[in-house]
Protein backbone atom coordinates (compact mmCIF):
# COMPACT_ATOMS: atom_id res chain seq x y z
CA MET A 1 5.90 -1.90 -15.59
CA ASN A 2 2.00 -1.51 -15.35
CA THR A 3 0.40 -0.33 -12.56
CA ALA A 4 -2.74 -1.53 -11.19
CA VAL A 5 -5.48 0.56 -10.42
CA LEU A 6 -6.83 -1.39 -6.92
CA HIS A 7 -9.08 -0.70 -4.23
CA THR A 8 -7.91 -0.32 -0.57
CA THR A 9 -8.00 1.09 2.55
CA GLY A 10 -5.01 3.17 2.28
CA THR A 11 -4.25 2.00 5.89
CA LEU A 12 -1.25 1.78 7.88
CA ARG A 13 -2.41 -1.87 8.54
CA SER A 14 -2.53 -2.85 4.67
CA ARG A 15 0.98 -1.31 3.83
CA ILE A 16 2.65 -3.25 6.53
CA LEU A 17 0.87 -6.41 5.20
CA ALA A 18 1.62 -6.02 1.62
CA SER A 19 5.33 -5.29 1.93
CA PHE A 20 5.08 -9.16 4.33
CA SER A 21 4.63 -10.46 0.38
CA TYR A 22 7.26 -9.50 -0.54
CA LEU A 23 9.99 -10.76 2.53
CA GLY A 24 9.88 -14.84 2.63
CA VAL A 25 7.48 -17.75 3.54
CA LEU A 26 5.65 -14.30 4.96
CA CYS A 27 4.27 -14.17 1.98
CA PHE A 28 1.59 -16.44 3.69
CA VAL A 29 0.81 -13.55 6.60
CA PRO A 30 -1.55 -11.15 4.22
CA LEU A 31 -3.63 -14.50 2.23
CA ILE A 32 -4.44 -15.72 5.62
CA ILE A 33 -5.15 -12.52 7.52
CA ASN A 34 -6.10 -9.89 5.32
CA GLY A 35 -7.42 -11.89 2.20
CA GLU A 36 -10.10 -9.51 1.10
CA ASP A 37 -8.27 -5.87 0.63
CA GLU A 38 -7.82 -6.51 -3.00
CA TYR A 39 -3.99 -4.73 -2.60
CA VAL A 40 -2.80 -6.95 0.37
CA TYR A 41 -4.03 -9.59 -2.24
CA PHE A 42 -2.78 -8.69 -5.43
CA HIS A 43 0.53 -8.35 -3.61
CA ALA A 44 0.46 -11.53 -1.60
CA LYS A 45 0.56 -13.18 -4.67
CA GLN A 46 2.60 -11.79 -6.19
CA GLY A 47 5.10 -12.35 -3.32
CA LEU A 48 3.29 -15.74 -2.86
CA ILE A 49 5.08 -16.93 -6.73
CA ILE A 50 8.07 -15.33 -6.25
CA TRP A 51 8.95 -17.19 -2.84
CA MET A 52 7.86 -20.44 -4.59
CA TRP A 53 10.75 -19.48 -7.56
CA GLY A 54 13.30 -18.96 -4.87
CA VAL A 55 11.95 -22.80 -3.79
CA LEU A 56 12.25 -24.32 -6.74
CA ALA A 57 15.82 -22.64 -7.45
CA ALA A 58 17.07 -24.23 -4.18
CA PHE A 59 15.97 -27.88 -4.93
CA SER A 60 18.00 -26.88 -8.35
CA LEU A 61 21.01 -27.40 -6.55
CA VAL A 62 21.05 -31.27 -6.95
CA ILE A 63 20.98 -30.95 -10.13
CA PRO A 64 25.10 -31.00 -11.11
CA GLY A 65 27.06 -28.15 -12.80
CA LEU A 66 23.83 -26.14 -14.17
CA GLY A 67 22.41 -26.81 -10.33
CA LYS A 68 24.75 -24.19 -8.81
CA VAL A 69 24.63 -21.42 -12.14
CA PHE A 70 20.20 -21.85 -11.67
CA PHE A 71 20.11 -21.03 -8.45
CA SER A 72 22.59 -17.91 -9.11
CA PHE A 73 20.73 -16.16 -11.75
CA SER A 74 16.98 -17.40 -9.47
CA MET A 75 17.86 -15.68 -6.16
CA LEU A 76 19.41 -12.92 -7.99
CA ALA A 77 15.54 -12.12 -10.08
CA VAL A 78 14.03 -12.92 -6.48
CA LEU A 79 16.02 -10.90 -4.91
CA LEU A 80 15.31 -7.84 -8.00
CA LEU A 81 12.03 -8.71 -7.79
CA SER A 82 11.54 -8.23 -4.25
CA VAL A 83 13.14 -5.61 -3.21
CA VAL A 84 10.93 -3.67 -6.69
CA GLY A 85 7.63 -4.96 -5.17
CA LEU A 86 9.12 -3.57 -1.51
CA VAL A 87 9.42 -0.15 -3.63
CA SER A 88 5.93 -0.48 -5.20
CA VAL A 89 4.48 -0.81 -2.14
CA MET A 90 5.87 2.19 -0.21
CA LEU A 91 5.11 3.68 -3.30
CA ASP A 92 1.47 2.64 -2.46
CA LYS A 93 1.55 1.21 -5.80
CA ALA A 94 0.21 -1.75 -7.02
CA TRP A 95 3.33 -2.36 -10.07
CA LYS A 96 2.71 -5.95 -12.23
CA LEU A 97 5.63 -7.84 -12.20
CA PRO A 98 6.96 -8.90 -15.10
CA VAL A 99 7.27 -12.68 -15.58
CA VAL A 100 5.67 -13.11 -11.85
CA TYR A 101 2.48 -11.11 -12.44
CA PRO A 102 1.22 -14.02 -15.10
CA LEU A 103 1.69 -16.22 -12.86
CA ALA A 104 -0.03 -14.38 -9.74
CA SER A 105 -3.20 -13.35 -12.36
CA ARG A 106 -3.92 -17.09 -12.59
CA ILE A 107 -4.13 -17.85 -8.87
């Protein structure tokens, strides 16, 4: 994983808000409260993509047969990417998550 070089205030508040990014629908909290901090905004965009992936996976359950398989794979990927994102925040890094970062950079 590549690491992005971002400017941050380095405060506990920034780290807490960045960690909200990877906790499901709470990804909207950093976007609304602290969008001007580049570090928080980076993590919030990645968290938003992960959350949207989870929501789309939930809609796949209506597809007979393959829907459950896709949902299971997607939820595992969402869980793993969220944990890696949280570890990134706890280490005060900005890891570009595979599959997620290219989509988040377009936001």
